[in-house]
C-alpha atoms as a PDB file:
ATOM      1  CA  MET A   1      33.580 -16.715  20.086  1.00  0.00           C
ATOM      2  CA  GLU A   2      32.290 -14.875  16.473  1.00  0.00           C
ATOM      3  CA  VAL A   3      33.490 -11.184  16.509  1.00  0.00           C
ATOM      4  CA  ALA A   4      31.200  -8.512  15.352  1.00  0.00           C
ATOM      5  CA  VAL A   5      32.584  -7.173  12.405  1.00  0.00           C
ATOM      6  CA  SER A   6      32.272  -3.092  11.744  1.00  0.00           C
ATOM      7  CA  ARG A   7      30.510  -2.526   8.168  1.00  0.00           C
ATOM      8  CA  PRO A   8      29.983   1.566   6.593  1.00  0.00           C
ATOM      9  CA  TRP A   9      26.887   0.243   5.773  1.00  0.00           C
ATOM     10  CA  GLU A  10      23.666  -1.679   7.281  1.00  0.00           C
ATOM     11  CA  ALA A  11      20.415  -2.516   6.025  1.00  0.00           C
ATOM     12  CA  ASN A  12      17.747  -1.257   8.271  1.00  0.00           C
ATOM     13  CA  PRO A  13      15.327  -3.458   8.998  1.00  0.00           C
ATOM     14  CA  SER A  14      12.475  -0.701  10.355  1.00  0.00           C
ATOM     15  CA  ALA A  15      12.994   1.224   6.822  1.00  0.00           C
ATOM     16  CA  GLU A  16       9.129   1.806   5.177  1.00  0.00           C
ATOM     17  CA  PHE A  17       9.043   1.082   1.301  1.00  0.00           C
ATOM     18  CA  ARG A  18       7.962   4.453   0.243  1.00  0.00           C
ATOM     19  CA  ARG A  19       7.660   4.233  -4.102  1.00  0.00           C
ATOM     20  CA  ARG A  20       7.980   1.991  -6.497  1.00  0.00           C
ATOM     21  CA  LEU A  21      10.510   2.287  -8.927  1.00  0.00           C
ATOM     22  CA  GLY A  22       9.387   1.874 -12.695  1.00  0.00           C
ATOM     23  CA  LYS A  23       6.086  -0.616 -13.570  1.00  0.00           C
ATOM     24  CA  SER A  24       4.687  -3.466 -11.605  1.00  0.00           C
ATOM     25  CA  ALA A  25       5.412  -6.916 -12.640  1.00  0.00           C
ATOM     26  CA  ILE A  26       1.954  -6.974 -13.505  1.00  0.00           C
ATOM     27  CA  GLU A  27       2.849  -3.724 -15.709  1.00  0.00           C
ATOM     28  CA  LEU A  28       5.880  -5.208 -17.274  1.00  0.00           C
ATOM     29  CA  GLY A  29       3.979  -8.654 -18.345  1.00  0.00           C
ATOM     30  CA  THR A  30       6.816 -10.542 -15.746  1.00  0.00           C
ATOM     31  CA  THR A  31       4.503 -12.408 -13.378  1.00  0.00           C
ATOM     32  CA  ASN A  32       1.145 -13.996 -14.518  1.00  0.00           C
ATOM     33  CA  SER A  33      -2.019 -12.752 -12.991  1.00  0.00           C
ATOM     34  CA  SER A  34      -1.019 -11.614  -9.107  1.00  0.00           C
ATOM     35  CA  PRO A  35       1.133  -8.584  -8.642  1.00  0.00           C
ATOM     36  CA  SER A  36       4.577 -10.801  -7.377  1.00  0.00           C
ATOM     37  CA  CYS A  37       8.206  -9.891  -7.801  1.00  0.00           C
ATOM     38  CA  PRO A  38      10.022  -8.606  -9.043  1.00  0.00           C
ATOM     39  CA  ASP A  39      10.044  -4.918  -8.031  1.00  0.00           C
ATOM     40  CA  ILE A  40      12.163  -2.455  -6.976  1.00  0.00           C
ATOM     41  CA  TRP A  41      11.529  -0.173  -4.419  1.00  0.00           C
ATOM     42  CA  GLU A  42      12.483   3.464  -2.715  1.00  0.00           C
ATOM     43  CA  LEU A  43      12.892   3.110   1.171  1.00  0.00           C
ATOM     44  CA  ASP A  44      12.058   5.645   3.331  1.00  0.00           C
ATOM     45  CA  ASN A  45      15.409   5.801   4.767  1.00  0.00           C
ATOM     46  CA  GLY A  46      16.550   6.292   1.068  1.00  0.00           C
ATOM     47  CA  ASP A  47      17.799   2.587   0.264  1.00  0.00           C
ATOM     48  CA  PHE A  48      16.643   0.400  -2.376  1.00  0.00           C
ATOM     49  CA  ALA A  49      14.175  -2.786  -1.690  1.00  0.00           C
ATOM     50  CA  VAL A  50      14.716  -5.448  -4.526  1.00  0.00           C
ATOM     51  CA  VAL A  51      12.728  -8.076  -4.927  1.00  0.00           C
ATOM     52  CA  GLY A  52      13.393 -11.114  -6.947  1.00  0.00           C
ATOM     53  CA  ARG A  53      14.832 -14.760  -7.308  1.00  0.00           C
ATOM     54  CA  ASP A  54      17.700 -15.746  -4.839  1.00  0.00           C
ATOM     55  CA  LEU A  55      20.327 -16.728  -7.405  1.00  0.00           C
ATOM     56  CA  THR A  56      22.720 -17.220  -4.503  1.00  0.00           C
ATOM     57  CA  SER A  57      23.400 -20.973  -5.123  1.00  0.00           C
ATOM     58  CA  ALA A  58      23.541 -20.503  -8.444  1.00  0.00           C
ATOM     59  CA  TYR A  59      26.013 -18.358  -8.908  1.00  0.00           C
ATOM     60  CA  ASP A  60      28.156 -20.082  -6.042  1.00  0.00           C
ATOM     61  CA  GLY A  61      31.597 -20.412  -7.120  1.00  0.00           C
ATOM     62  CA  ARG A  62      31.436 -18.535 -10.160  1.00  0.00           C
ATOM     63  CA  LEU A  63      31.421 -14.791  -8.604  1.00  0.00           C
ATOM     64  CA  PRO A  64      34.470 -12.763 -10.340  1.00  0.00           C
ATOM     65  CA  ALA A  65      37.455 -12.034  -8.011  1.00  0.00           C
ATOM     66  CA  ASP A  66      36.350  -9.437  -6.208  1.00  0.00           C
ATOM     67  CA  VAL A  67      32.810 -10.220  -5.355  1.00  0.00           C
ATOM     68  CA  SER A  68      32.076 -11.431  -2.263  1.00  0.00           C
ATOM     69  CA  VAL A  69      28.182 -12.128  -1.347  1.00  0.00           C
ATOM     70  CA  SER A  70      28.467 -12.482   3.065  1.00  0.00           C
ATOM     71  CA  SER A  71      25.988 -14.742   4.766  1.00  0.00           C
ATOM     72  CA  ASP A  72      23.719 -12.451   5.930  1.00  0.00           C
ATOM     73  CA  GLU A  73      23.436 -11.007   1.888  1.00  0.00           C
ATOM     74  CA  ARG A  74      21.627 -12.753  -0.820  1.00  0.00           C
ATOM     75  CA  ILE A  75      22.304 -12.149  -5.189  1.00  0.00           C
ATOM     76  CA  VAL A  76      18.752 -11.459  -6.273  1.00  0.00           C
ATOM     77  CA  VAL A  77      18.003 -11.705  -9.984  1.00  0.00           C
ATOM     78  CA  ILE A  78      15.400  -9.633 -11.572  1.00  0.00           C
ATOM     79  CA  PRO A  79      14.740  -9.044 -15.121  1.00  0.00           C
ATOM     80  CA  ARG A  80      16.730  -6.266 -17.347  1.00  0.00           C
ATOM     81  CA  THR A  81      13.078  -4.674 -17.902  1.00  0.00           C
ATOM     82  CA  THR A  82      12.376  -4.471 -14.615  1.00  0.00           C
ATOM     83  CA  LEU A  83      15.666  -2.227 -14.250  1.00  0.00           C
ATOM     84  CA  ILE A  84      15.180  -0.233 -16.958  1.00  0.00           C
ATOM     85  CA  ALA A  85      11.733   0.725 -16.205  1.00  0.00           C
ATOM     86  CA  ALA A  86      12.866   1.655 -13.033  1.00  0.00           C
ATOM     87  CA  LYS A  87      16.136   4.053 -14.116  1.00  0.00           C
ATOM     88  CA  ARG A  88      13.908   7.125 -14.573  1.00  0.00           C
ATOM     89  CA  ASP A  89      12.960   6.930 -11.260  1.00  0.00           C
ATOM     90  CA  ILE A  90      16.626   6.258  -9.783  1.00  0.00           C
ATOM     91  CA  PRO A  91      18.201   9.375  -8.732  1.00  0.00           C
ATOM     92  CA  ARG A  92      21.527  11.099  -9.969  1.00  0.00           C
ATOM     93  CA  ALA A  93      23.079  11.539  -6.584  1.00  0.00           C
END
Protein backbone atom coordinates (compact mmCIF):
# COMPACT_ATOMS: atom_id res chain seq x y z
CA MET A 1 0.00 0.00 0.00
CA GLU A 2 1.39 3.38 -1.05
CA VAL A 3 1.47 6.04 1.67
CA ALA A 4 0.39 9.54 0.62
CA VAL A 5 3.16 12.07 1.14
CA SER A 6 2.17 15.55 2.19
CA ARG A 7 4.23 18.26 0.50
CA PRO A 8 4.31 21.98 1.30
CA TRP A 9 3.29 22.81 -2.28
CA GLU A 10 1.11 21.02 -4.80
CA ALA A 11 0.32 22.11 -8.35
CA ASN A 12 -3.28 23.16 -8.84
CA PRO A 13 -4.56 21.56 -12.07
CA SER A 14 -7.57 23.91 -12.16
CA ALA A 15 -5.44 27.08 -12.35
CA GLU A 16 -5.94 29.04 -15.58
CA PHE A 17 -3.36 30.71 -17.81
CA ARG A 18 -3.23 34.44 -16.96
CA ARG A 19 -0.40 35.98 -19.01
CA ARG A 20 2.67 35.11 -21.02
CA LEU A 21 5.99 36.15 -19.55
CA GLY A 22 8.34 37.53 -22.16
CA LYS A 23 7.79 36.95 -25.86
CA SER A 24 6.19 34.17 -27.85
CA ALA A 25 8.29 31.43 -29.44
CA ILE A 26 7.55 32.96 -32.85
CA GLU A 27 8.82 36.39 -31.74
CA LEU A 28 12.01 34.83 -30.34
CA GLY A 29 12.62 32.60 -33.35
CA THR A 30 12.60 29.39 -31.29
CA THR A 31 9.90 27.74 -33.40
CA ASN A 32 9.20 27.45 -37.11
CA SER A 33 5.75 28.59 -38.19
CA SER A 34 3.40 27.51 -35.41
CA PRO A 35 3.08 29.06 -31.95
CA SER A 36 4.46 25.96 -30.24
CA CYS A 37 6.82 25.72 -27.31
CA PRO A 38 8.85 26.99 -25.54
CA ASP A 39 6.89 29.37 -23.36
CA ILE A 40 6.48 30.66 -19.78
CA TRP A 41 3.07 31.58 -18.36
CA GLU A 42 1.84 33.00 -15.08
CA LEU A 43 -1.23 31.19 -13.81
CA ASP A 44 -4.19 32.86 -12.11
CA ASN A 45 -3.11 31.45 -8.74
CA GLY A 46 0.36 33.03 -9.02
CA ASP A 47 2.21 29.84 -10.00
CA PHE A 48 4.08 29.52 -13.31
CA ALA A 49 3.78 27.04 -16.14
CA VAL A 50 6.80 26.30 -18.34
CA VAL A 51 6.41 24.74 -21.77
CA GLY A 52 9.58 23.13 -23.05
CA ARG A 53 11.25 19.88 -23.94
CA ASP A 54 10.96 17.02 -21.47
CA LEU A 55 14.57 15.90 -20.89
CA THR A 56 13.97 14.02 -17.66
CA SER A 57 15.32 10.72 -18.97
CA ALA A 58 18.33 12.44 -20.56
CA TYR A 59 19.37 13.83 -17.17
CA ASP A 60 18.58 10.66 -15.22
CA GLY A 61 21.70 9.62 -13.33
CA ARG A 62 23.40 13.00 -13.86
CA LEU A 63 21.57 15.13 -11.31
CA PRO A 64 23.53 17.04 -8.67
CA ALA A 65 23.49 15.39 -5.23
CA ASP A 66 20.91 17.85 -3.85
CA VAL A 67 18.46 17.52 -6.77
CA SER A 68 15.73 14.93 -7.11
CA VAL A 69 12.84 14.50 -9.51
CA SER A 70 9.67 12.94 -8.11
CA SER A 71 7.68 10.49 -10.21
CA ASP A 72 5.12 13.24 -10.92
CA GLU A 73 7.76 15.81 -11.96
CA ARG A 74 9.75 16.40 -15.14
CA ILE A 75 12.90 18.29 -16.06
CA VAL A 76 11.78 20.79 -18.68
CA VAL A 77 14.39 22.65 -20.71
CA ILE A 78 13.77 25.99 -22.40
CA PRO A 79 16.12 28.18 -24.44
CA ARG A 80 18.11 30.83 -22.61
CA THR A 81 16.48 33.51 -24.77
CA THR A 82 13.01 32.50 -23.51
CA LEU A 83 13.92 33.05 -19.86
CA ILE A 84 15.86 36.25 -20.54
CA ALA A 85 12.90 37.68 -22.46
CA ALA A 86 10.64 36.85 -19.48
CA LYS A 87 12.91 38.45 -16.89
CA ARG A 88 11.17 41.84 -16.97
CA ASP A 89 7.79 40.16 -16.38
CA ILE A 90 8.85 38.02 -13.40
CA PRO A 91 7.71 39.56 -10.11
CA ARG A 92 10.46 40.43 -7.62
CA ALA A 93 8.56 39.09 -4.63
